[in-house]
Each structure stands twice: as C-alpha cells, then as structure tokens.
C-alpha cells in the first residue's frame, strides 16, 4: 500500500489527505447513464448509489472537507434536466457531511449554474495544499503545481488489463504512482523538479477506464511521465509492479 500523508482507502477509489482531514475522489460523471443508453446499456440512475458510497466514507473517516477532483457531471456541452437535478441533489446531500470543493474538469462546463454558493469551485489549473498539488488532469497545470512535492490527478480513469491462462481479459481499476520526468519539466516549465504523481481511479464504476498497460494515459501529463516505468496498485493495495511488466 502507498503510505504517507496521502493515503488511498483500502478497496475504495478514494484517498485521504490525513494531516488535513480531507477526502478526495474523482470523476463522478453523474449522468453518464444517458450516454450508455445509446449503446444499448440500460442501468438506471446510479447517482443514489454513488451518494450512499460517499456518505459511508464520510461517516467512517469523518473528513472536514471533500475535494471532488473534476468531472462531477458527464454530458457536454449541455446537461439533461435529469442530470442537473441529480447533480444538485447529490451535492446538497453530501455537503451535510463536509465542506465541498470542486476542481473543474473537462465535463464540468456550466456547473456553476447548478451548484449553490456554499460549494467552493476552483479553477481547472489546480490548487495547492502545502506541498500537494491537485488538478483534474485534462489540461496543463500552472507552474506552482509542478513545484509541489506531490501531485494528484484524475481524468484518465486508470485500469489495468489482466489476461488469464485461457486468454480471457479483465480490467481492474487501479492507482498509478510515478514521477514527472525532470527533463520534460525543465523543457516545459523551465524548472528542475520531478514531483511524485498519483493518478486516482474513477469513483463511478460505470465509467470504465483506460487500460494503462495498453493505452497509456490521456491528457497532457502523458507527455511528462514514463508510463511504462510507473507503478500499478490495485484498490486493495496490492502492488502489481511496473506497467511494462504487466
């Protein structure tokens, strides 16, 4: 298991920043069910299930604040009435347990029209907590993020593709832990840093994901890491090793 002030929660796609009493989750994609219907997948709304799962974490770990690391809603550029109502109800319920922060993701256009003023919205180029930078991951971070010791991102929905003896493939959500490449950081930001990077799995199991051992990751961070030499952890904390060996 990954051990420091950033502590992934056992068997959950969520982490704690323990010294700050902050819970972090990413990629809720509330409303994705409408898109899945176009592919013949009828699951019904999963918002209540996501809400219950998050409330359970809040009751267990009692965070003072929750950071939603982008892509709270799914449909872009517009949202359905159902999606807007689901997002609003979800946030209204969750804010009873902790103060909510939203880091804007690429699916969060016009979310300000849905949320209430007591929910804090941060720009998409990231925020900093002491030596930890947080950003959704769909755009380049500001320079101050890269100067942190650790960076947490979402966006990729990382999974690992596993193949059994019969050739059957399964996809497991995972955490990716790596470092930014110092040479690439110097080239892009003109600074000599190589902070640790942690990629958070999606909180919504309907989202599927990117098989990092086949497709790498998405977003600009793919240009400043060596994904093949990145470490893969399952949700139960098992270290599978480096991507290139899986």
C-alpha atoms as a PDB file:
ATOM      1  CA  UNK A   1       0.000   0.000   0.000  1.00  0.00           C
ATOM      2  CA  UNK A   2       1.079   3.561  -0.698  1.00  0.00           C
ATOM      3  CA  UNK A   3       1.999   5.104   2.672  1.00  0.00           C
ATOM      4  CA  UNK A   4       2.408   8.790   3.544  1.00  0.00           C
ATOM      5  CA  UNK A   5       0.102  11.731   4.253  1.00  0.00           C
ATOM      6  CA  UNK A   6      -1.720  10.800   1.047  1.00  0.00           C
ATOM      7  CA  UNK A   7      -3.441   7.536   1.932  1.00  0.00           C
ATOM      8  CA  UNK A   8      -5.635   5.651  -0.561  1.00  0.00           C
ATOM      9  CA  UNK A   9      -8.554   3.977   1.207  1.00  0.00           C
ATOM     10  CA  UNK A  10      -8.478   0.174   1.149  1.00  0.00           C
ATOM     11  CA  UNK A  11     -10.676  -1.242  -1.619  1.00  0.00           C
ATOM     12  CA  UNK A  12     -12.159   2.174  -2.450  1.00  0.00           C
ATOM     13  CA  UNK A  13     -11.420   4.607  -5.303  1.00  0.00           C
ATOM     14  CA  UNK A  14     -10.829   7.392  -2.790  1.00  0.00           C
ATOM     15  CA  UNK A  15      -7.979   8.803  -0.739  1.00  0.00           C
ATOM     16  CA  UNK A  16      -7.382  10.768   2.427  1.00  0.00           C
ATOM     17  CA  UNK A  17      -5.013  13.649   2.953  1.00  0.00           C
ATOM     18  CA  UNK A  18      -4.716  12.703   6.597  1.00  0.00           C
ATOM     19  CA  UNK A  19      -2.985  15.755   8.047  1.00  0.00           C
ATOM     20  CA  UNK A  20      -5.711  17.950   6.526  1.00  0.00           C
ATOM     21  CA  UNK A  21      -8.718  15.661   7.193  1.00  0.00           C
ATOM     22  CA  UNK A  22      -9.624  15.864   3.514  1.00  0.00           C
ATOM     23  CA  UNK A  23     -11.279  13.165   1.414  1.00  0.00           C
ATOM     24  CA  UNK A  24     -10.527  13.172  -2.320  1.00  0.00           C
ATOM     25  CA  UNK A  25     -12.488  11.425  -5.066  1.00  0.00           C
ATOM     26  CA  UNK A  26     -12.527  11.929  -8.815  1.00  0.00           C
ATOM     27  CA  UNK A  27     -14.695  11.510 -11.899  1.00  0.00           C
ATOM     28  CA  UNK A  28     -18.243  11.031 -10.656  1.00  0.00           C
ATOM     29  CA  UNK A  29     -19.636  11.570 -14.179  1.00  0.00           C
ATOM     30  CA  UNK A  30     -23.185  11.937 -12.889  1.00  0.00           C
ATOM     31  CA  UNK A  31     -25.498  11.489 -15.864  1.00  0.00           C
ATOM     32  CA  UNK A  32     -23.361   9.038 -17.844  1.00  0.00           C
ATOM     33  CA  UNK A  33     -26.335   6.653 -17.939  1.00  0.00           C
ATOM     34  CA  UNK A  34     -27.906   8.729 -20.734  1.00  0.00           C
ATOM     35  CA  UNK A  35     -24.898   8.183 -22.978  1.00  0.00           C
ATOM     36  CA  UNK A  36     -24.778   4.466 -22.183  1.00  0.00           C
ATOM     37  CA  UNK A  37     -28.384   4.119 -23.376  1.00  0.00           C
ATOM     38  CA  UNK A  38     -27.165   4.966 -26.873  1.00  0.00           C
ATOM     39  CA  UNK A  39     -25.082   1.778 -26.742  1.00  0.00           C
ATOM     40  CA  UNK A  40     -27.986  -0.343 -25.527  1.00  0.00           C
ATOM     41  CA  UNK A  41     -26.887  -0.330 -21.878  1.00  0.00           C
ATOM     42  CA  UNK A  42     -29.763   0.486 -19.538  1.00  0.00           C
ATOM     43  CA  UNK A  43     -28.545   0.740 -15.967  1.00  0.00           C
ATOM     44  CA  UNK A  44     -30.910   3.284 -14.435  1.00  0.00           C
ATOM     45  CA  UNK A  45     -29.592   6.220 -12.438  1.00  0.00           C
ATOM     46  CA  UNK A  46     -26.562   5.377 -10.305  1.00  0.00           C
ATOM     47  CA  UNK A  47     -26.488   8.722  -8.506  1.00  0.00           C
ATOM     48  CA  UNK A  48     -28.100   7.415  -5.332  1.00  0.00           C
ATOM     49  CA  UNK A  49     -25.585   4.564  -5.170  1.00  0.00           C
ATOM     50  CA  UNK A  50     -22.663   6.975  -5.606  1.00  0.00           C
ATOM     51  CA  UNK A  51     -24.167   9.157  -2.911  1.00  0.00           C
ATOM     52  CA  UNK A  52     -24.535   6.266  -0.470  1.00  0.00           C
ATOM     53  CA  UNK A  53     -20.965   5.120  -1.100  1.00  0.00           C
ATOM     54  CA  UNK A  54     -19.589   8.589  -0.452  1.00  0.00           C
ATOM     55  CA  UNK A  55     -21.707   9.111   2.661  1.00  0.00           C
ATOM     56  CA  UNK A  56     -20.432   5.811   4.023  1.00  0.00           C
ATOM     57  CA  UNK A  57     -16.862   7.049   3.579  1.00  0.00           C
ATOM     58  CA  UNK A  58     -17.758  10.309   5.290  1.00  0.00           C
ATOM     59  CA  UNK A  59     -19.264   8.511   8.270  1.00  0.00           C
ATOM     60  CA  UNK A  60     -16.241   6.227   8.550  1.00  0.00           C
ATOM     61  CA  UNK A  61     -13.435   8.769   8.137  1.00  0.00           C
ATOM     62  CA  UNK A  62     -15.214  11.997   9.158  1.00  0.00           C
ATOM     63  CA  UNK A  63     -13.427  14.400   6.809  1.00  0.00           C
ATOM     64  CA  UNK A  64     -13.852  18.121   7.329  1.00  0.00           C
ATOM     65  CA  UNK A  65     -13.585  18.758   3.602  1.00  0.00           C
ATOM     66  CA  UNK A  66     -14.194  16.826   0.383  1.00  0.00           C
ATOM     67  CA  UNK A  67     -12.347  17.578  -2.828  1.00  0.00           C
ATOM     68  CA  UNK A  68     -14.130  16.463  -5.988  1.00  0.00           C
ATOM     69  CA  UNK A  69     -11.289  16.218  -8.474  1.00  0.00           C
ATOM     70  CA  UNK A  70     -13.258  17.135 -11.582  1.00  0.00           C
ATOM     71  CA  UNK A  71     -15.911  15.715 -13.905  1.00  0.00           C
ATOM     72  CA  UNK A  72     -18.751  15.836 -11.418  1.00  0.00           C
ATOM     73  CA  UNK A  73     -21.234  15.871 -14.305  1.00  0.00           C
ATOM     74  CA  UNK A  74     -20.965  13.954 -17.564  1.00  0.00           C
ATOM     75  CA  UNK A  75     -22.761  15.410 -20.555  1.00  0.00           C
ATOM     76  CA  UNK A  76     -21.142  18.236 -22.516  1.00  0.00           C
ATOM     77  CA  UNK A  77     -21.686  20.915 -23.659  1.00  0.00           C
ATOM     78  CA  UNK A  78     -25.216  20.794 -22.253  1.00  0.00           C
ATOM     79  CA  UNK A  79     -26.850  18.756 -19.496  1.00  0.00           C
ATOM     80  CA  UNK A  80     -30.178  16.976 -19.389  1.00  0.00           C
ATOM     81  CA  UNK A  81     -32.765  18.057 -16.843  1.00  0.00           C
ATOM     82  CA  UNK A  82     -32.288  14.705 -15.091  1.00  0.00           C
ATOM     83  CA  UNK A  83     -28.529  15.225 -14.868  1.00  0.00           C
ATOM     84  CA  UNK A  84     -28.872  18.746 -13.479  1.00  0.00           C
ATOM     85  CA  UNK A  85     -31.335  17.544 -10.859  1.00  0.00           C
ATOM     86  CA  UNK A  86     -29.152  14.565  -9.933  1.00  0.00           C
ATOM     87  CA  UNK A  87     -26.029  16.712  -9.541  1.00  0.00           C
ATOM     88  CA  UNK A  88     -27.882  19.225  -7.412  1.00  0.00           C
ATOM     89  CA  UNK A  89     -29.428  16.580  -5.139  1.00  0.00           C
ATOM     90  CA  UNK A  90     -26.122  14.734  -4.819  1.00  0.00           C
ATOM     91  CA  UNK A  91     -24.204  17.825  -3.731  1.00  0.00           C
ATOM     92  CA  UNK A  92     -26.959  19.036  -1.422  1.00  0.00           C
ATOM     93  CA  UNK A  93     -26.849  15.733   0.421  1.00  0.00           C
ATOM     94  CA  UNK A  94     -23.064  15.395   0.572  1.00  0.00           C
ATOM     95  CA  UNK A  95     -22.442  18.908   1.845  1.00  0.00           C
ATOM     96  CA  UNK A  96     -24.232  17.952   5.044  1.00  0.00           C
ATOM     97  CA  UNK A  97     -21.146  15.882   5.926  1.00  0.00           C
ATOM     98  CA  UNK A  98     -18.252  18.149   4.895  1.00  0.00           C
ATOM     99  CA  UNK A  99     -17.378  21.318   3.021  1.00  0.00           C
ATOM    100  CA  UNK A 100     -17.204  20.588  -0.711  1.00  0.00           C
ATOM    101  CA  UNK A 101     -14.511  21.791  -3.105  1.00  0.00           C
ATOM    102  CA  UNK A 102     -14.804  21.252  -6.858  1.00  0.00           C
ATOM    103  CA  UNK A 103     -11.806  21.340  -9.184  1.00  0.00           C
ATOM    104  CA  UNK A 104     -13.214  21.914 -12.630  1.00  0.00           C
ATOM    105  CA  UNK A 105     -12.815  19.083 -15.128  1.00  0.00           C
ATOM    106  CA  UNK A 106     -13.445  18.968 -18.858  1.00  0.00           C
ATOM    107  CA  UNK A 107     -17.042  17.767 -18.310  1.00  0.00           C
ATOM    108  CA  UNK A 108     -17.957  20.479 -15.783  1.00  0.00           C
ATOM    109  CA  UNK A 109     -18.991  23.300 -18.092  1.00  0.00           C
ATOM    110  CA  UNK A 110     -21.763  25.477 -16.628  1.00  0.00           C
ATOM    111  CA  UNK A 111     -21.701  23.602 -13.321  1.00  0.00           C
ATOM    112  CA  UNK A 112     -21.863  26.993 -11.584  1.00  0.00           C
ATOM    113  CA  UNK A 113     -25.482  27.192 -12.760  1.00  0.00           C
ATOM    114  CA  UNK A 114     -26.307  24.010 -10.845  1.00  0.00           C
ATOM    115  CA  UNK A 115     -24.474  24.334  -7.543  1.00  0.00           C
ATOM    116  CA  UNK A 116     -25.108  26.570  -4.546  1.00  0.00           C
ATOM    117  CA  UNK A 117     -22.795  29.357  -3.387  1.00  0.00           C
ATOM    118  CA  UNK A 118     -21.531  27.442  -0.335  1.00  0.00           C
ATOM    119  CA  UNK A 119     -19.751  24.929  -2.607  1.00  0.00           C
ATOM    120  CA  UNK A 120     -16.269  26.202  -3.454  1.00  0.00           C
ATOM    121  CA  UNK A 121     -15.274  25.983  -7.125  1.00  0.00           C
ATOM    122  CA  UNK A 122     -11.585  26.158  -8.047  1.00  0.00           C
ATOM    123  CA  UNK A 123     -10.089  26.821 -11.493  1.00  0.00           C
ATOM    124  CA  UNK A 124      -9.063  23.968 -13.749  1.00  0.00           C
ATOM    125  CA  UNK A 125      -5.328  24.705 -13.472  1.00  0.00           C
ATOM    126  CA  UNK A 126      -5.270  23.317  -9.936  1.00  0.00           C
ATOM    127  CA  UNK A 127      -4.944  24.137  -6.246  1.00  0.00           C
ATOM    128  CA  UNK A 128      -2.149  23.639  -3.719  1.00  0.00           C
ATOM    129  CA  UNK A 129      -2.342  22.258  -0.178  1.00  0.00           C
ATOM    130  CA  UNK A 130       1.063  22.741   1.448  1.00  0.00           C
ATOM    131  CA  UNK A 131       3.310  20.601  -0.777  1.00  0.00           C
ATOM    132  CA  UNK A 132       0.488  18.775  -2.587  1.00  0.00           C
ATOM    133  CA  UNK A 133      -0.905  19.964  -5.923  1.00  0.00           C
ATOM    134  CA  UNK A 134      -4.331  18.837  -7.090  1.00  0.00           C
ATOM    135  CA  UNK A 135      -5.712  19.151 -10.619  1.00  0.00           C
ATOM    136  CA  UNK A 136      -8.221  17.233 -12.716  1.00  0.00           C
ATOM    137  CA  UNK A 137      -5.608  16.412 -15.336  1.00  0.00           C
ATOM    138  CA  UNK A 138      -7.160  17.368 -18.676  1.00  0.00           C
ATOM    139  CA  UNK A 139      -5.013  20.490 -19.084  1.00  0.00           C
ATOM    140  CA  UNK A 140      -1.533  21.644 -18.243  1.00  0.00           C
ATOM    141  CA  UNK A 141      -1.138  22.616 -14.597  1.00  0.00           C
ATOM    142  CA  UNK A 142       0.096  26.015 -13.542  1.00  0.00           C
ATOM    143  CA  UNK A 143       3.793  26.201 -12.707  1.00  0.00           C
ATOM    144  CA  UNK A 144       3.145  26.282  -8.954  1.00  0.00           C
ATOM    145  CA  UNK A 145       1.536  22.833  -9.129  1.00  0.00           C
ATOM    146  CA  UNK A 146       4.644  21.335 -10.717  1.00  0.00           C
ATOM    147  CA  UNK A 147       6.775  22.899  -7.970  1.00  0.00           C
ATOM    148  CA  UNK A 148       4.957  20.793  -5.334  1.00  0.00           C
ATOM    149  CA  UNK A 149       6.435  17.569  -3.970  1.00  0.00           C
ATOM    150  CA  UNK A 150       3.331  15.569  -4.871  1.00  0.00           C
ATOM    151  CA  UNK A 151       0.584  15.953  -7.461  1.00  0.00           C
ATOM    152  CA  UNK A 152      -2.814  14.217  -7.510  1.00  0.00           C
ATOM    153  CA  UNK A 153      -4.841  13.981 -10.732  1.00  0.00           C
ATOM    154  CA  UNK A 154      -7.900  12.172 -12.100  1.00  0.00           C
ATOM    155  CA  UNK A 155      -9.201  12.289 -15.694  1.00  0.00           C
ATOM    156  CA  UNK A 156      -7.613   9.076 -17.017  1.00  0.00           C
ATOM    157  CA  UNK A 157      -9.859   6.531 -15.203  1.00  0.00           C
ATOM    158  CA  UNK A 158      -6.875   4.174 -14.939  1.00  0.00           C
ATOM    159  CA  UNK A 159      -7.414   0.418 -15.194  1.00  0.00           C
ATOM    160  CA  UNK A 160      -5.036  -2.470 -15.718  1.00  0.00           C
ATOM    161  CA  UNK A 161      -5.771  -5.207 -18.271  1.00  0.00           C
ATOM    162  CA  UNK A 162      -5.099  -8.674 -16.893  1.00  0.00           C
ATOM    163  CA  UNK A 163      -5.031 -11.788 -19.095  1.00  0.00           C
ATOM    164  CA  UNK A 164      -5.554 -15.273 -17.644  1.00  0.00           C
ATOM    165  CA  UNK A 165      -4.148 -18.588 -18.912  1.00  0.00           C
ATOM    166  CA  UNK A 166      -7.078 -19.047 -21.265  1.00  0.00           C
ATOM    167  CA  UNK A 167      -6.544 -15.667 -22.827  1.00  0.00           C
ATOM    168  CA  UNK A 168      -9.575 -14.038 -21.205  1.00  0.00           C
ATOM    169  CA  UNK A 169      -9.081 -10.380 -20.365  1.00  0.00           C
ATOM    170  CA  UNK A 170     -10.365  -8.497 -17.345  1.00  0.00           C
ATOM    171  CA  UNK A 171      -9.948  -4.846 -16.443  1.00  0.00           C
ATOM    172  CA  UNK A 172      -9.324  -3.776 -12.863  1.00  0.00           C
ATOM    173  CA  UNK A 173      -9.401  -0.173 -11.600  1.00  0.00           C
ATOM    174  CA  UNK A 174      -6.051   0.875 -10.239  1.00  0.00           C
ATOM    175  CA  UNK A 175      -3.871   3.630  -8.860  1.00  0.00           C
ATOM    176  CA  UNK A 176      -0.856   4.803 -10.825  1.00  0.00           C
ATOM    177  CA  UNK A 177       2.131   6.114  -8.891  1.00  0.00           C
ATOM    178  CA  UNK A 178       5.048   7.634 -10.746  1.00  0.00           C
ATOM    179  CA  UNK A 179       7.257  10.708 -11.049  1.00  0.00           C
ATOM    180  CA  UNK A 180       7.287  13.504 -13.580  1.00  0.00           C
ATOM    181  CA  UNK A 181      10.341  13.407 -15.819  1.00  0.00           C
ATOM    182  CA  UNK A 182      12.812  16.090 -14.776  1.00  0.00           C
ATOM    183  CA  UNK A 183      13.997  16.678 -18.352  1.00  0.00           C
ATOM    184  CA  UNK A 184      10.432  17.209 -19.600  1.00  0.00           C
ATOM    185  CA  UNK A 185       9.583  19.523 -16.701  1.00  0.00           C
ATOM    186  CA  UNK A 186      12.648  21.626 -17.394  1.00  0.00           C
ATOM    187  CA  UNK A 187      11.711  21.823 -21.065  1.00  0.00           C
ATOM    188  CA  UNK A 188       8.061  22.736 -20.411  1.00  0.00           C
ATOM    189  CA  UNK A 189       8.264  24.863 -17.252  1.00  0.00           C
ATOM    190  CA  UNK A 190      11.936  25.915 -17.067  1.00  0.00           C
ATOM    191  CA  UNK A 191      12.337  24.451 -13.585  1.00  0.00           C
ATOM    192  CA  UNK A 192      14.218  21.432 -12.295  1.00  0.00           C
ATOM    193  CA  UNK A 193      11.614  19.390 -10.446  1.00  0.00           C
ATOM    194  CA  UNK A 194      10.322  15.847 -10.646  1.00  0.00           C
ATOM    195  CA  UNK A 195       7.389  15.607  -8.219  1.00  0.00           C
ATOM    196  CA  UNK A 196       5.585  12.384  -7.438  1.00  0.00           C
ATOM    197  CA  UNK A 197       2.348  11.864  -9.358  1.00  0.00           C
ATOM    198  CA  UNK A 198      -0.652   9.832  -8.181  1.00  0.00           C
ATOM    199  CA  UNK A 199      -3.472   9.114 -10.644  1.00  0.00           C
ATOM    200  CA  UNK A 200      -6.834   8.474  -8.973  1.00  0.00           C
ATOM    201  CA  UNK A 201      -9.301   5.850 -10.304  1.00  0.00           C
ATOM    202  CA  UNK A 202     -12.830   6.927 -11.160  1.00  0.00           C
ATOM    203  CA  UNK A 203     -15.393   6.849  -8.347  1.00  0.00           C
ATOM    204  CA  UNK A 204     -18.153   5.832 -10.784  1.00  0.00           C
ATOM    205  CA  UNK A 205     -17.782   2.178 -11.901  1.00  0.00           C
ATOM    206  CA  UNK A 206     -19.943   2.839 -14.991  1.00  0.00           C
ATOM    207  CA  UNK A 207     -17.189   4.988 -16.478  1.00  0.00           C
ATOM    208  CA  UNK A 208     -14.955   2.109 -17.446  1.00  0.00           C
ATOM    209  CA  UNK A 209     -11.394   3.246 -17.952  1.00  0.00           C
ATOM    210  CA  UNK A 210      -8.150   3.379 -19.856  1.00  0.00           C
ATOM    211  CA  UNK A 211      -6.006   0.219 -19.737  1.00  0.00           C
ATOM    212  CA  UNK A 212      -2.686   1.836 -18.910  1.00  0.00           C
ATOM    213  CA  UNK A 213      -0.689  -1.231 -19.973  1.00  0.00           C
ATOM    214  CA  UNK A 214      -2.227  -0.971 -23.455  1.00  0.00           C
ATOM    215  CA  UNK A 215      -3.209   2.648 -23.990  1.00  0.00           C
ATOM    216  CA  UNK A 216      -1.134   4.655 -21.527  1.00  0.00           C
ATOM    217  CA  UNK A 217      -2.945   7.644 -20.028  1.00  0.00           C
ATOM    218  CA  UNK A 218      -4.839  10.576 -21.514  1.00  0.00           C
ATOM    219  CA  UNK A 219      -4.246  14.279 -21.095  1.00  0.00           C
ATOM    220  CA  UNK A 220      -1.058  16.375 -21.117  1.00  0.00           C
ATOM    221  CA  UNK A 221       0.531  14.502 -18.208  1.00  0.00           C
ATOM    222  CA  UNK A 222       1.200  11.616 -20.614  1.00  0.00           C
ATOM    223  CA  UNK A 223       3.903  13.814 -22.134  1.00  0.00           C
ATOM    224  CA  UNK A 224       5.820  14.324 -18.892  1.00  0.00           C
ATOM    225  CA  UNK A 225       5.835  10.833 -17.329  1.00  0.00           C
ATOM    226  CA  UNK A 226       7.242   7.444 -18.263  1.00  0.00           C
ATOM    227  CA  UNK A 227       4.085   5.355 -18.030  1.00  0.00           C
ATOM    228  CA  UNK A 228       5.896   2.074 -18.702  1.00  0.00           C
ATOM    229  CA  UNK A 229       8.022   2.545 -15.587  1.00  0.00           C
ATOM    230  CA  UNK A 230       5.101   3.686 -13.421  1.00  0.00           C
ATOM    231  CA  UNK A 231       3.891   1.516 -10.528  1.00  0.00           C
ATOM    232  CA  UNK A 232       0.403  -0.010 -10.525  1.00  0.00           C
ATOM    233  CA  UNK A 233      -1.591  -0.629  -7.333  1.00  0.00           C
ATOM    234  CA  UNK A 234      -4.947  -2.407  -7.181  1.00  0.00           C
ATOM    235  CA  UNK A 235      -7.656  -0.935  -4.978  1.00  0.00           C
ATOM    236  CA  UNK A 236      -6.801  -3.420  -2.220  1.00  0.00           C
ATOM    237  CA  UNK A 237      -3.277  -2.004  -2.104  1.00  0.00           C
ATOM    238  CA  UNK A 238      -1.560  -4.831  -3.985  1.00  0.00           C
ATOM    239  CA  UNK A 239       1.490  -3.598  -5.880  1.00  0.00           C
ATOM    240  CA  UNK A 240       1.469  -5.307  -9.284  1.00  0.00           C
ATOM    241  CA  UNK A 241       4.759  -3.767 -10.297  1.00  0.00           C
ATOM    242  CA  UNK A 242       5.648  -1.558 -13.230  1.00  0.00           C
ATOM    243  CA  UNK A 243       3.273  -1.127 -16.157  1.00  0.00           C
ATOM    244  CA  UNK A 244       5.827  -2.560 -18.613  1.00  0.00           C
ATOM    245  CA  UNK A 245       5.917  -5.866 -16.727  1.00  0.00           C
ATOM    246  CA  UNK A 246       2.156  -6.482 -16.610  1.00  0.00           C
END
